Amino acid sequence: IYYCGASEDRYDIRNYRTYDYWGQGTQVTVSS
């Protein structure tokens, strides 16, 4: 599930805890 996040902070942007707002997500499925 892929989520979009928005952060007011420019630091530690690879940490999900940094983000203040989130969407509900969209499912990506990849078949082999």
PDB file of all heavy atoms in Angstrom:
ATOM      1  N   ILE A   1       0.862  -1.169   0.000  1.00  0.00           N
ATOM      2  CA  ILE A   1       0.000   0.000   0.000  1.00  0.00           C
ATOM      3  C   ILE A   1       0.901   1.222   0.000  1.00  0.00           C
ATOM      4  O   ILE A   1       1.794   1.340   0.849  1.00  0.00           O
ATOM      5  CB  ILE A   1      -0.945   0.027   1.210  1.00  0.00           C
ATOM      6  CG1 ILE A   1      -1.848  -1.199   1.197  1.00  0.00           C
ATOM      7  CG2 ILE A   1      -1.785   1.296   1.198  1.00  0.00           C
ATOM      8  CD1 ILE A   1      -2.731  -1.318   2.425  1.00  0.00           C
ATOM      9  N   TYR A   2       0.681   2.108  -0.933  1.00  0.00           N
ATOM     10  CA  TYR A   2       1.492   3.310  -1.070  1.00  0.00           C
ATOM     11  C   TYR A   2       0.752   4.494  -0.479  1.00  0.00           C
ATOM     12  O   TYR A   2      -0.415   4.735  -0.792  1.00  0.00           O
ATOM     13  CB  TYR A   2       1.822   3.565  -2.537  1.00  0.00           C
ATOM     14  CG  TYR A   2       2.931   2.678  -3.038  1.00  0.00           C
ATOM     15  CD1 TYR A   2       2.730   1.320  -3.223  1.00  0.00           C
ATOM     16  CD2 TYR A   2       4.195   3.202  -3.308  1.00  0.00           C
ATOM     17  CE1 TYR A   2       3.752   0.496  -3.659  1.00  0.00           C
ATOM     18  CE2 TYR A   2       5.225   2.392  -3.751  1.00  0.00           C
ATOM     19  CZ  TYR A   2       4.996   1.037  -3.919  1.00  0.00           C
ATOM     20  OH  TYR A   2       6.015   0.229  -4.362  1.00  0.00           O
ATOM     21  N   TYR A   3       1.455   5.232   0.365  1.00  0.00           N
ATOM     22  CA  TYR A   3       0.884   6.362   1.074  1.00  0.00           C
ATOM     23  C   TYR A   3       1.596   7.652   0.705  1.00  0.00           C
ATOM     24  O   TYR A   3       2.818   7.681   0.589  1.00  0.00           O
ATOM     25  CB  TYR A   3       1.015   6.184   2.589  1.00  0.00           C
ATOM     26  CG  TYR A   3       0.238   5.025   3.151  1.00  0.00           C
ATOM     27  CD1 TYR A   3       0.830   3.781   3.295  1.00  0.00           C
ATOM     28  CD2 TYR A   3      -1.080   5.182   3.558  1.00  0.00           C
ATOM     29  CE1 TYR A   3       0.128   2.713   3.821  1.00  0.00           C
ATOM     30  CE2 TYR A   3      -1.783   4.131   4.082  1.00  0.00           C
ATOM     31  CZ  TYR A   3      -1.171   2.891   4.212  1.00  0.00           C
ATOM     32  OH  TYR A   3      -1.880   1.840   4.739  1.00  0.00           O
ATOM     33  N   CYS A   4       0.833   8.681   0.571  1.00  0.00           N
ATOM     34  CA  CYS A   4       1.348  10.022   0.384  1.00  0.00           C
ATOM     35  C   CYS A   4       1.426  10.715   1.739  1.00  0.00           C
ATOM     36  O   CYS A   4       0.473  10.652   2.521  1.00  0.00           O
ATOM     37  CB  CYS A   4       0.425  10.786  -0.562  1.00  0.00           C
ATOM     38  SG  CYS A   4       0.855  12.501  -0.844  1.00  0.00           S
ATOM     39  N   GLY A   5       2.541  11.361   2.025  1.00  0.00           N
ATOM     40  CA  GLY A   5       2.716  12.075   3.277  1.00  0.00           C
ATOM     41  C   GLY A   5       3.159  13.505   3.061  1.00  0.00           C
ATOM     42  O   GLY A   5       3.824  13.820   2.068  1.00  0.00           O
ATOM     43  N   ALA A   6       2.809  14.366   3.995  1.00  0.00           N
ATOM     44  CA  ALA A   6       3.190  15.775   3.964  1.00  0.00           C
ATOM     45  C   ALA A   6       3.857  16.140   5.278  1.00  0.00           C
ATOM     46  O   ALA A   6       3.342  15.821   6.347  1.00  0.00           O
ATOM     47  CB  ALA A   6       1.974  16.661   3.725  1.00  0.00           C
ATOM     48  N   SER A   7       4.994  16.820   5.197  1.00  0.00           N
ATOM     49  CA  SER A   7       5.750  17.204   6.375  1.00  0.00           C
ATOM     50  C   SER A   7       6.012  18.697   6.389  1.00  0.00           C
ATOM     51  O   SER A   7       6.394  19.274   5.372  1.00  0.00           O
ATOM     52  CB  SER A   7       7.085  16.460   6.419  1.00  0.00           C
ATOM     53  OG  SER A   7       7.879  16.901   7.509  1.00  0.00           O
ATOM     54  N   GLU A   8       5.830  19.305   7.552  1.00  0.00           N
ATOM     55  CA  GLU A   8       6.185  20.700   7.743  1.00  0.00           C
ATOM     56  C   GLU A   8       7.672  20.874   7.992  1.00  0.00           C
ATOM     57  O   GLU A   8       8.174  21.994   7.983  1.00  0.00           O
ATOM     58  CB  GLU A   8       5.413  21.292   8.926  1.00  0.00           C
ATOM     59  CG  GLU A   8       3.914  21.298   8.737  1.00  0.00           C
ATOM     60  CD  GLU A   8       3.175  21.807   9.948  1.00  0.00           C
ATOM     61  OE1 GLU A   8       3.810  21.991  11.003  1.00  0.00           O
ATOM     62  OE2 GLU A   8       1.956  22.022   9.844  1.00  0.00           O
ATOM     63  N   ASP A   9       8.384  19.768   8.216  1.00  0.00           N
ATOM     64  CA  ASP A   9       9.784  19.760   8.599  1.00  0.00           C
ATOM     65  C   ASP A   9      10.635  19.272   7.443  1.00  0.00           C
ATOM     66  O   ASP A   9      10.334  18.242   6.834  1.00  0.00           O
ATOM     67  CB  ASP A   9       9.974  18.861   9.821  1.00  0.00           C
ATOM     68  CG  ASP A   9      11.320  19.028  10.490  1.00  0.00           C
ATOM     69  OD1 ASP A   9      12.219  19.656   9.910  1.00  0.00           O
ATOM     70  OD2 ASP A   9      11.476  18.516  11.617  1.00  0.00           O
ATOM     71  N   ARG A  10      11.716  19.973   7.168  1.00  0.00           N
ATOM     72  CA  ARG A  10      12.621  19.584   6.090  1.00  0.00           C
ATOM     73  C   ARG A  10      13.611  18.513   6.517  1.00  0.00           C
ATOM     74  O   ARG A  10      14.312  17.951   5.657  1.00  0.00           O
ATOM     75  CB  ARG A  10      13.398  20.796   5.581  1.00  0.00           C
ATOM     76  CG  ARG A  10      14.272  21.440   6.644  1.00  0.00           C
ATOM     77  CD  ARG A  10      15.126  22.548   6.063  1.00  0.00           C
ATOM     78  NE  ARG A  10      16.176  22.021   5.207  1.00  0.00           N
ATOM     79  CZ  ARG A  10      17.139  22.740   4.663  1.00  0.00           C
ATOM     80  NH1 ARG A  10      17.190  24.052   4.870  1.00  0.00           N
ATOM     81  NH2 ARG A  10      18.043  22.165   3.889  1.00  0.00           N
ATOM     82  N   TYR A  11      13.676  18.220   7.811  1.00  0.00           N
ATOM     83  CA  TYR A  11      14.675  17.305   8.325  1.00  0.00           C
ATOM     84  C   TYR A  11      14.120  15.903   8.515  1.00  0.00           C
ATOM     85  O   TYR A  11      12.927  15.718   8.759  1.00  0.00           O
ATOM     86  CB  TYR A  11      15.232  17.824   9.646  1.00  0.00           C
ATOM     87  CG  TYR A  11      15.828  19.195   9.531  1.00  0.00           C
ATOM     88  CD1 TYR A  11      15.174  20.302  10.062  1.00  0.00           C
ATOM     89  CD2 TYR A  11      17.039  19.394   8.874  1.00  0.00           C
ATOM     90  CE1 TYR A  11      15.718  21.566   9.939  1.00  0.00           C
ATOM     91  CE2 TYR A  11      17.577  20.654   8.748  1.00  0.00           C
ATOM     92  CZ  TYR A  11      16.914  21.741   9.290  1.00  0.00           C
ATOM     93  OH  TYR A  11      17.452  22.996   9.160  1.00  0.00           O
ATOM     94  N   ASP A  12      15.016  14.915   8.422  1.00  0.00           N
ATOM     95  CA  ASP A  12      14.697  13.519   8.656  1.00  0.00           C
ATOM     96  C   ASP A  12      13.522  13.062   7.790  1.00  0.00           C
ATOM     97  O   ASP A  12      12.594  12.396   8.255  1.00  0.00           O
ATOM     98  CB  ASP A  12      14.390  13.285  10.136  1.00  0.00           C
ATOM     99  CG  ASP A  12      14.553  11.838  10.560  1.00  0.00           C
ATOM    100  OD1 ASP A  12      15.203  11.061   9.843  1.00  0.00           O
ATOM    101  OD2 ASP A  12      14.025  11.487  11.641  1.00  0.00           O
ATOM    102  N   ILE A  13      13.582  13.379   6.542  1.00  0.00           N
ATOM    103  CA  ILE A  13      12.443  13.162   5.658  1.00  0.00           C
ATOM    104  C   ILE A  13      12.255  11.703   5.266  1.00  0.00           C
ATOM    105  O   ILE A  13      11.229  11.357   4.692  1.00  0.00           O
ATOM    106  CB  ILE A  13      12.538  14.024   4.392  1.00  0.00           C
ATOM    107  CG1 ILE A  13      13.796  13.686   3.599  1.00  0.00           C
ATOM    108  CG2 ILE A  13      12.494  15.498   4.756  1.00  0.00           C
ATOM    109  CD1 ILE A  13      13.835  14.334   2.231  1.00  0.00           C
ATOM    110  N   ARG A  14      13.223  10.855   5.566  1.00  0.00           N
ATOM    111  CA  ARG A  14      13.088   9.435   5.281  1.00  0.00           C
ATOM    112  C   ARG A  14      12.412   8.662   6.408  1.00  0.00           C
ATOM    113  O   ARG A  14      12.174   7.460   6.271  1.00  0.00           O
ATOM    114  CB  ARG A  14      14.454   8.816   4.976  1.00  0.00           C
ATOM    115  CG  ARG A  14      15.061   9.337   3.682  1.00  0.00           C
ATOM    116  CD  ARG A  14      16.488   8.867   3.479  1.00  0.00           C
ATOM    117  NE  ARG A  14      17.022   9.382   2.223  1.00  0.00           N
ATOM    118  CZ  ARG A  14      17.169   8.688   1.115  1.00  0.00           C
ATOM    119  NH1 ARG A  14      16.844   7.398   1.098  1.00  0.00           N
ATOM    120  NH2 ARG A  14      17.638   9.251   0.016  1.00  0.00           N
ATOM    121  N   ASN A  15      12.087   9.336   7.485  1.00  0.00           N
ATOM    122  CA  ASN A  15      11.449   8.738   8.643  1.00  0.00           C
ATOM    123  C   ASN A  15       9.954   9.032   8.604  1.00  0.00           C
ATOM    124  O   ASN A  15       9.548  10.190   8.596  1.00  0.00           O
ATOM    125  CB  ASN A  15      12.070   9.300   9.916  1.00  0.00           C
ATOM    126  CG  ASN A  15      11.566   8.646  11.180  1.00  0.00           C
ATOM    127  OD1 ASN A  15      10.577   7.911  11.174  1.00  0.00           O
ATOM    128  ND2 ASN A  15      12.243   8.921  12.279  1.00  0.00           N
ATOM    129  N   TYR A  16       9.141   7.999   8.594  1.00  0.00           N
ATOM    130  CA  TYR A  16       7.693   8.216   8.505  1.00  0.00           C
ATOM    131  C   TYR A  16       7.147   9.017   9.671  1.00  0.00           C
ATOM    132  O   TYR A  16       6.115   9.689   9.524  1.00  0.00           O
ATOM    133  CB  TYR A  16       6.956   6.881   8.375  1.00  0.00           C
ATOM    134  CG  TYR A  16       6.889   6.049   9.633  1.00  0.00           C
ATOM    135  CD1 TYR A  16       5.846   6.215  10.540  1.00  0.00           C
ATOM    136  CD2 TYR A  16       7.849   5.091   9.898  1.00  0.00           C
ATOM    137  CE1 TYR A  16       5.778   5.448  11.685  1.00  0.00           C
ATOM    138  CE2 TYR A  16       7.785   4.323  11.039  1.00  0.00           C
ATOM    139  CZ  TYR A  16       6.747   4.512  11.932  1.00  0.00           C
ATOM    140  OH  TYR A  16       6.680   3.740  13.077  1.00  0.00           O
ATOM    141  N   ARG A  17       7.829   8.965  10.816  1.00  0.00           N
ATOM    142  CA  ARG A  17       7.367   9.705  11.990  1.00  0.00           C
ATOM    143  C   ARG A  17       7.480  11.211  11.802  1.00  0.00           C
ATOM    144  O   ARG A  17       6.856  11.967  12.536  1.00  0.00           O
ATOM    145  CB  ARG A  17       8.163   9.277  13.219  1.00  0.00           C
ATOM    146  CG  ARG A  17       8.001   7.806  13.572  1.00  0.00           C
ATOM    147  CD  ARG A  17       8.879   7.434  14.743  1.00  0.00           C
ATOM    148  NE  ARG A  17       8.788   6.018  15.059  1.00  0.00           N
ATOM    149  CZ  ARG A  17       9.514   5.074  14.486  1.00  0.00           C
ATOM    150  NH1 ARG A  17      10.403   5.395  13.554  1.00  0.00           N
ATOM    151  NH2 ARG A  17       9.359   3.810  14.835  1.00  0.00           N
ATOM    152  N   THR A  18       8.243  11.643  10.844  1.00  0.00           N
ATOM    153  CA  THR A  18       8.397  13.058  10.541  1.00  0.00           C
ATOM    154  C   THR A  18       7.130  13.663   9.950  1.00  0.00           C
ATOM    155  O   THR A  18       6.892  14.864  10.082  1.00  0.00           O
ATOM    156  CB  THR A  18       9.570  13.260   9.569  1.00  0.00           C
ATOM    157  OG1 THR A  18      10.779  12.847  10.207  1.00  0.00           O
ATOM    158  CG2 THR A  18       9.705  14.707   9.115  1.00  0.00           C
ATOM    159  N   TYR A  19       6.322  12.846   9.327  1.00  0.00           N
ATOM    160  CA  TYR A  19       5.219  13.355   8.522  1.00  0.00           C
ATOM    161  C   TYR A  19       3.972  13.629   9.339  1.00  0.00           C
ATOM    162  O   TYR A  19       3.574  12.834  10.198  1.00  0.00           O
ATOM    163  CB  TYR A  19       4.956  12.402   7.349  1.00  0.00           C
ATOM    164  CG  TYR A  19       6.092  12.499   6.375  1.00  0.00           C
ATOM    165  CD1 TYR A  19       7.287  11.842   6.618  1.00  0.00           C
ATOM    166  CD2 TYR A  19       5.999  13.321   5.263  1.00  0.00           C
ATOM    167  CE1 TYR A  19       8.368  11.992   5.766  1.00  0.00           C
ATOM    168  CE2 TYR A  19       7.062  13.469   4.403  1.00  0.00           C
ATOM    169  CZ  TYR A  19       8.251  12.800   4.661  1.00  0.00           C
ATOM    170  OH  TYR A  19       9.318  12.956   3.806  1.00  0.00           O
ATOM    171  N   ASP A  20       3.383  14.765   9.055  1.00  0.00           N
ATOM    172  CA  ASP A  20       2.259  15.272   9.829  1.00  0.00           C
ATOM    173  C   ASP A  20       0.908  14.815   9.291  1.00  0.00           C
ATOM    174  O   ASP A  20      -0.060  14.713  10.050  1.00  0.00           O
ATOM    175  CB  ASP A  20       2.293  16.800   9.838  1.00  0.00           C
ATOM    176  CG  ASP A  20       3.605  17.341  10.364  1.00  0.00           C
ATOM    177  OD1 ASP A  20       3.852  17.207  11.572  1.00  0.00           O
ATOM    178  OD2 ASP A  20       4.381  17.905   9.552  1.00  0.00           O
ATOM    179  N   TYR A  21       0.841  14.565   8.002  1.00  0.00           N
ATOM    180  CA  TYR A  21      -0.411  14.232   7.344  1.00  0.00           C
ATOM    181  C   TYR A  21      -0.209  13.062   6.402  1.00  0.00           C
ATOM    182  O   TYR A  21       0.836  12.938   5.758  1.00  0.00           O
ATOM    183  CB  TYR A  21      -0.950  15.436   6.563  1.00  0.00           C
ATOM    184  CG  TYR A  21      -1.075  16.677   7.402  1.00  0.00           C
ATOM    185  CD1 TYR A  21      -0.131  17.684   7.318  1.00  0.00           C
ATOM    186  CD2 TYR A  21      -2.137  16.829   8.284  1.00  0.00           C
ATOM    187  CE1 TYR A  21      -0.239  18.826   8.094  1.00  0.00           C
ATOM    188  CE2 TYR A  21      -2.247  17.964   9.066  1.00  0.00           C
ATOM    189  CZ  TYR A  21      -1.295  18.955   8.970  1.00  0.00           C
ATOM    190  OH  TYR A  21      -1.406  20.083   9.739  1.00  0.00           O
ATOM    191  N   TRP A  22      -1.236  12.230   6.313  1.00  0.00           N
ATOM    192  CA  TRP A  22      -1.199  11.049   5.465  1.00  0.00           C
ATOM    193  C   TRP A  22      -2.505  10.866   4.723  1.00  0.00           C
ATOM    194  O   TRP A  22      -3.575  11.185   5.236  1.00  0.00           O
ATOM    195  CB  TRP A  22      -0.959   9.786   6.302  1.00  0.00           C
ATOM    196  CG  TRP A  22       0.375   9.722   6.954  1.00  0.00           C
ATOM    197  CD1 TRP A  22       0.672  10.039   8.244  1.00  0.00           C
ATOM    198  CD2 TRP A  22       1.599   9.307   6.346  1.00  0.00           C
ATOM    199  NE1 TRP A  22       2.008   9.840   8.485  1.00  0.00           N
ATOM    200  CE2 TRP A  22       2.601   9.394   7.339  1.00  0.00           C
ATOM    201  CE3 TRP A  22       1.951   8.868   5.070  1.00  0.00           C
ATOM    202  CZ2 TRP A  22       3.932   9.060   7.090  1.00  0.00           C
ATOM    203  CZ3 TRP A  22       3.268   8.539   4.815  1.00  0.00           C
ATOM    204  CH2 TRP A  22       4.239   8.635   5.827  1.00  0.00           C
ATOM    205  N   GLY A  23      -2.392  10.314   3.525  1.00  0.00           N
ATOM    206  CA  GLY A  23      -3.566   9.838   2.838  1.00  0.00           C
ATOM    207  C   GLY A  23      -3.940   8.450   3.312  1.00  0.00           C
ATOM    208  O   GLY A  23      -3.291   7.859   4.183  1.00  0.00           O
ATOM    209  N   GLN A  24      -4.996   7.908   2.735  1.00  0.00           N
ATOM    210  CA  GLN A  24      -5.485   6.591   3.127  1.00  0.00           C
ATOM    211  C   GLN A  24      -4.779   5.453   2.406  1.00  0.00           C
ATOM    212  O   GLN A  24      -4.940   4.293   2.777  1.00  0.00           O
ATOM    213  CB  GLN A  24      -6.986   6.502   2.890  1.00  0.00           C
ATOM    214  CG  GLN A  24      -7.809   7.392   3.803  1.00  0.00           C
ATOM    215  CD  GLN A  24      -7.571   7.089   5.264  1.00  0.00           C
ATOM    216  OE1 GLN A  24      -7.101   7.936   6.008  1.00  0.00           O
ATOM    217  NE2 GLN A  24      -7.880   5.875   5.683  1.00  0.00           N
ATOM    218  N   GLY A  25      -4.010   5.753   1.396  1.00  0.00           N
ATOM    219  CA  GLY A  25      -3.229   4.758   0.696  1.00  0.00           C
ATOM    220  C   GLY A  25      -3.896   4.242  -0.561  1.00  0.00           C
ATOM    221  O   GLY A  25      -5.112   4.290  -0.708  1.00  0.00           O
ATOM    222  N   THR A  26      -3.075   3.731  -1.460  1.00  0.00           N
ATOM    223  CA  THR A  26      -3.547   3.089  -2.672  1.00  0.00           C
ATOM    224  C   THR A  26      -2.747   1.810  -2.884  1.00  0.00           C
ATOM    225  O   THR A  26      -1.528   1.791  -2.730  1.00  0.00           O
ATOM    226  CB  THR A  26      -3.451   4.040  -3.888  1.00  0.00           C
ATOM    227  OG1 THR A  26      -4.046   3.428  -5.031  1.00  0.00           O
ATOM    228  CG2 THR A  26      -2.009   4.419  -4.205  1.00  0.00           C
ATOM    229  N   GLN A  27      -3.442   0.736  -3.210  1.00  0.00           N
ATOM    230  CA  GLN A  27      -2.824  -0.588  -3.296  1.00  0.00           C
ATOM    231  C   GLN A  27      -2.130  -0.781  -4.626  1.00  0.00           C
ATOM    232  O   GLN A  27      -2.718  -0.544  -5.686  1.00  0.00           O
ATOM    233  CB  GLN A  27      -3.893  -1.670  -3.110  1.00  0.00           C
ATOM    234  CG  GLN A  27      -3.366  -3.095  -3.246  1.00  0.00           C
ATOM    235  CD  GLN A  27      -2.508  -3.502  -2.075  1.00  0.00           C
ATOM    236  OE1 GLN A  27      -2.953  -3.421  -0.925  1.00  0.00           O
ATOM    237  NE2 GLN A  27      -1.280  -3.918  -2.344  1.00  0.00           N
ATOM    238  N   VAL A  28      -0.892  -1.235  -4.557  1.00  0.00           N
ATOM    239  CA  VAL A  28      -0.140  -1.625  -5.743  1.00  0.00           C
ATOM    240  C   VAL A  28       0.161  -3.114  -5.638  1.00  0.00           C
ATOM    241  O   VAL A  28       0.755  -3.567  -4.654  1.00  0.00           O
ATOM    242  CB  VAL A  28       1.169  -0.828  -5.881  1.00  0.00           C
ATOM    243  CG1 VAL A  28       2.028  -1.388  -7.012  1.00  0.00           C
ATOM    244  CG2 VAL A  28       0.863   0.640  -6.117  1.00  0.00           C
ATOM    245  N   THR A  29      -0.253  -3.860  -6.639  1.00  0.00           N
ATOM    246  CA  THR A  29      -0.002  -5.287  -6.694  1.00  0.00           C
ATOM    247  C   THR A  29       0.792  -5.590  -7.954  1.00  0.00           C
ATOM    248  O   THR A  29       0.437  -5.134  -9.044  1.00  0.00           O
ATOM    249  CB  THR A  29      -1.318  -6.079  -6.700  1.00  0.00           C
ATOM    250  OG1 THR A  29      -2.091  -5.727  -5.548  1.00  0.00           O
ATOM    251  CG2 THR A  29      -1.044  -7.574  -6.682  1.00  0.00           C
ATOM    252  N   VAL A  30       1.863  -6.349  -7.812  1.00  0.00           N
ATOM    253  CA  VAL A  30       2.732  -6.692  -8.935  1.00  0.00           C
ATOM    254  C   VAL A  30       2.771  -8.203  -9.059  1.00  0.00           C
ATOM    255  O   VAL A  30       3.188  -8.899  -8.132  1.00  0.00           O
ATOM    256  CB  VAL A  30       4.151  -6.139  -8.754  1.00  0.00           C
ATOM    257  CG1 VAL A  30       4.990  -6.432  -9.994  1.00  0.00           C
ATOM    258  CG2 VAL A  30       4.108  -4.643  -8.479  1.00  0.00           C
ATOM    259  N   SER A  31       2.353  -8.697 -10.191  1.00  0.00           N
ATOM    260  CA  SER A  31       2.333 -10.130 -10.431  1.00  0.00           C
ATOM    261  C   SER A  31       3.585 -10.568 -11.172  1.00  0.00           C
ATOM    262  O   SER A  31       4.167  -9.801 -11.952  1.00  0.00           O
ATOM    263  CB  SER A  31       1.095 -10.530 -11.227  1.00  0.00           C
ATOM    264  OG  SER A  31       1.093  -9.921 -12.505  1.00  0.00           O
ATOM    265  N   SER A  32       3.994 -11.795 -10.953  1.00  0.00           N
ATOM    266  CA  SER A  32       5.184 -12.333 -11.593  1.00  0.00           C
ATOM    267  C   SER A  32       4.836 -13.422 -12.581  1.00  0.00           C
ATOM    268  O   SER A  32       3.681 -13.847 -12.685  1.00  0.00           O
ATOM    269  CB  SER A  32       6.152 -12.867 -10.542  1.00  0.00           C
ATOM    270  OG  SER A  32       5.555 -13.897  -9.786  1.00  0.00           O
TER     271      SER A  32
END
